[in-house]
Protein backbone atom coordinates (compact mmCIF):
# COMPACT_ATOMS: atom_id res chain seq x y z
CA UNK A 1 -1.96 3.26 -42.65
CA UNK A 2 -2.35 1.98 -46.21
CA UNK A 3 -5.47 3.07 -48.09
CA UNK A 4 -6.38 -0.57 -48.72
CA UNK A 5 -7.43 -1.00 -45.05
CA UNK A 6 -11.19 -0.36 -44.99
CA UNK A 7 -12.08 -1.31 -41.41
CA UNK A 8 -10.04 -1.31 -38.24
CA UNK A 9 -11.23 -2.96 -35.01
CA UNK A 10 -9.17 -2.74 -31.82
CA UNK A 11 -9.98 -4.05 -28.33
CA UNK A 12 -7.96 -3.49 -25.15
CA UNK A 13 -8.72 -4.51 -21.58
CA UNK A 14 -6.45 -2.17 -19.60
CA UNK A 15 -4.22 -0.54 -22.17
CA UNK A 16 -4.57 2.75 -23.97
CA UNK A 17 -5.59 2.87 -27.63
CA UNK A 18 -3.99 5.58 -29.80
CA UNK A 19 -4.85 5.72 -33.51
CA UNK A 20 -3.57 8.46 -35.81
CA UNK A 21 -4.11 9.30 -39.47
CA UNK A 22 -6.24 6.28 -40.26
CA UNK A 23 -8.73 7.05 -43.05
CA UNK A 24 -10.73 3.89 -42.31
CA UNK A 25 -13.86 3.02 -40.39
CA UNK A 26 -12.72 2.46 -36.80
CA UNK A 27 -14.13 0.49 -33.88
CA UNK A 28 -12.07 1.00 -30.70
CA UNK A 29 -13.07 -0.51 -27.35
CA UNK A 30 -11.10 -0.24 -24.11
CA UNK A 31 -12.37 -1.40 -20.74
CA UNK A 32 -10.08 0.61 -18.45
CA UNK A 33 -7.78 2.52 -20.78
CA UNK A 34 -8.15 5.74 -22.70
CA UNK A 35 -9.02 5.88 -26.40
CA UNK A 36 -7.45 8.57 -28.64
CA UNK A 37 -8.33 8.74 -32.33
CA UNK A 38 -6.96 11.47 -34.61
CA UNK A 39 -8.34 11.08 -38.11
CA UNK A 40 -10.83 8.42 -39.10
CA UNK A 41 -13.80 8.09 -41.42
CA UNK A 42 -16.57 6.61 -39.29
CA UNK A 43 -15.62 6.05 -35.66
CA UNK A 44 -17.19 4.02 -32.87
CA UNK A 45 -15.31 4.34 -29.59
CA UNK A 46 -16.12 3.12 -26.11
CA UNK A 47 -14.48 2.82 -22.72
CA UNK A 48 -15.81 1.81 -19.33
CA UNK A 49 -13.53 3.99 -17.20
CA UNK A 50 -11.08 5.59 -19.60
CA UNK A 51 -11.45 8.87 -21.43
CA UNK A 52 -12.20 9.11 -25.16
CA UNK A 53 -10.68 11.81 -27.37
CA UNK A 54 -11.56 12.22 -31.06
CA UNK A 55 -10.04 14.78 -33.43
CA UNK A 56 -10.51 15.31 -37.18
CA UNK A 57 -12.89 12.41 -37.73
CA UNK A 58 -15.95 11.87 -39.91
CA UNK A 59 -19.07 10.80 -38.05
CA UNK A 60 -18.61 9.39 -34.55
CA UNK A 61 -20.42 7.45 -31.84
CA UNK A 62 -18.94 7.37 -28.33
CA UNK A 63 -20.05 5.48 -25.21
CA UNK A 64 -18.47 5.54 -21.76
CA UNK A 65 -19.52 4.69 -18.23
CA UNK A 66 -17.23 6.91 -16.14
CA UNK A 67 -14.87 8.29 -18.75
CA UNK A 68 -14.83 11.82 -20.07
CA UNK A 69 -15.29 12.53 -23.78
CA UNK A 70 -13.62 15.25 -25.87
CA UNK A 71 -14.41 15.57 -29.57
CA UNK A 72 -13.26 18.29 -31.94
CA UNK A 73 -13.43 18.90 -35.68
CA UNK A 74 -15.94 16.17 -36.46
CA UNK A 75 -17.10 16.47 -40.09
CA UNK A 76 -20.31 14.48 -39.65
CA UNK A 77 -22.76 13.70 -36.89
CA UNK A 78 -21.69 13.03 -33.31
CA UNK A 79 -23.56 10.86 -30.80
CA UNK A 80 -22.18 10.61 -27.25
CA UNK A 81 -23.61 8.75 -24.27
CA UNK A 82 -21.97 8.52 -20.85
CA UNK A 83 -23.12 7.76 -17.33
CA UNK A 84 -20.74 9.83 -15.21
CA UNK A 85 -18.23 11.43 -17.52
CA UNK A 86 -18.13 15.00 -18.77
CA UNK A 87 -18.66 15.71 -22.48
CA UNK A 88 -16.87 18.41 -24.46
CA UNK A 89 -17.51 18.82 -28.19
CA UNK A 90 -16.40 21.58 -30.52
CA UNK A 91 -16.61 22.36 -34.23
CA UNK A 92 -19.05 19.60 -35.15
CA UNK A 93 -20.34 19.87 -38.75
CA UNK A 94 -23.29 17.48 -38.35
CA UNK A 95 -25.92 16.84 -35.73
CA UNK A 96 -24.88 16.59 -32.08
CA UNK A 97 -26.52 14.29 -29.56
CA UNK A 98 -24.92 14.30 -26.11
CA UNK A 99 -26.47 12.43 -23.19
CA UNK A 100 -25.07 12.04 -19.68
CA UNK A 101 -26.49 11.10 -16.31
CA UNK A 102 -24.09 12.83 -13.93
CA UNK A 103 -21.60 14.69 -16.12
CA UNK A 104 -21.42 18.19 -17.55
CA UNK A 105 -21.87 18.93 -21.27
CA UNK A 106 -20.03 21.68 -23.16
CA UNK A 107 -20.65 22.15 -26.89
CA UNK A 108 -18.93 24.89 -28.87
CA UNK A 109 -19.74 25.96 -32.44
CA UNK A 110 -21.96 23.11 -33.62
CA UNK A 111 -23.48 23.38 -37.11
CA UNK A 112 -26.31 20.85 -37.15
CA UNK A 113 -29.23 19.90 -34.96
CA UNK A 114 -28.45 19.80 -31.27
CA UNK A 115 -29.79 17.55 -28.50
CA UNK A 116 -28.10 17.89 -25.11
CA UNK A 117 -29.38 16.08 -22.02
CA UNK A 118 -27.76 15.93 -18.58
CA UNK A 119 -29.66 14.62 -15.57
CA UNK A 120 -27.46 16.10 -12.82
CA UNK A 121 -24.76 18.09 -14.64
CA UNK A 122 -24.46 21.51 -16.22
CA UNK A 123 -24.94 22.23 -19.93
CA UNK A 124 -22.99 24.91 -21.78
CA UNK A 125 -23.68 25.77 -25.43
CA UNK A 126 -21.77 28.35 -27.46
CA UNK A 127 -23.05 29.14 -30.94
CA UNK A 128 -21.19 31.11 -33.58
CA UNK A 129 -22.99 33.24 -36.12
CA UNK A 130 -26.74 33.25 -36.51
CA UNK A 131 -28.87 30.53 -34.99
CA UNK A 132 -31.13 28.70 -37.39
């Protein structure tokens, strides 16, 4: 994508959204399809029933109802909220907030502040190096 594109907004009702190597701010919303974003500056992604996957992004905010969320190599803060989907996050440079009602949460090698809340699911946290 050309560097002159500053913001990208994409909406899909049933289709999948797949964005790669876009150094822009991204808003991606899919009602029933999956959202995949590889590379992006500031990302907001949401799906009602589809999964959300983020890789090599700056800061990110993700919301789903029943979709799972996988985020890796996020260079800023990460905020995830889901009702029934599982959350998996790894190698997050900034703060991590992960909230789910019924899903499980797995966070591996975070580097910032951590807030993990699951009402009915399991929580797994793996830290590397010293804590603090």
